[in-house]
Amino acid sequence: MSKPILCIGTYAKTPFHIEKVGKNVYCIEELCYILVNNAFLLDEDSFGDDLFDWIEHECSLERLSDELRSMAMKKCSIASLAGTILDYVGYNSKKEVDRTEEILRANAGMDVYRKKMARADFLLKNGRYSLAFKEYEFLLKNTDELDKKAKAKIEHNEGVMYARLFLFERAADMFLKAYKDGGDKESLIQYLGAMRMSLSDKEYVSFVADNEELYEISLVLEGKVNELEELFGSSKTNLSVGTMAVYKAEGKMNEYYDVVGNITQQLKTEYRDLVKDKVG
């Protein structure tokens, strides 16, 4: 059994909104959790007077807020500011604090382009699609000399996010743009995959037939689809579907609807997690 953690300060009546992470925090321990688990997303804007005021007035930690203001006036790094908060609260292990400071120091040494690209990739990897879209779109609109390879990477990643949100037509558009800009075969495969998902079987066959240059790619795609079908065949979801079929055939409707409800609830939960940051 792990040792209990002694909380400090007061629980805020008004939460503090961390813009870069898109989260509200209600106490200093929640702030520490966010700092440690989202250090890659934070920058100088995340440590300002509004945070120090919140720590003083909402968390009743006047001494900590005074120390942070003094450090900010001396132009201390955001790694030092974060470290001071984490050390003061004592919520996290030394290993977590050291890692957080290391990430923040590394971020400070990046130029704006690399910082935003790394942040967007991190958000994509962690399923924070709305925030990732914002970072990628900023790069596309505000980087004058963005080379085609970098542009293609952004377009491909946006295609991935649209596909995961089941917006297959948008995904196909982005994958095609990525292929035209970067020439990467994987983007072309994903383009065809998105088209396959957005069209009926008959429409898809006609589409491939009308675009002979895509025939070889379609064979590669079908190979990938077959692999995924084999993996699904041994999955828990497929076993549950098989159980449903047996219950229905035997007329055990209560058991059948129980399994349907469980699968539906699981899918709803997964989808809500997937789109928790709404994409416009």
Foldseek 3Di string as FASTA:
>chain_A
DDDDADFAFAFFPDWDAQVQVRDTGGELLVVLVCLLVPLLRDAPVRQDPVVLVCCCPGRVPPVLSVVSVVCVVVVHAVLVNSLSSCVVGVNDDPVSNVVSSVSSVVLVPDDPLVSLVVSLVVCLVVLVPQSSVVSLVCCVVPPPPQALQNVLVSLQSNLVLCVLLVVLVSSLVSLVSSCVSNVDLVSVLSNLVSVPSVDDPVVSVVVCVVVVVCVVSVVVNVVVVVVVVVVVCPDPVVVLVVVLVVCVVVVVVVVNVVSVVVVVVVVVVVSCSNCVPPHD
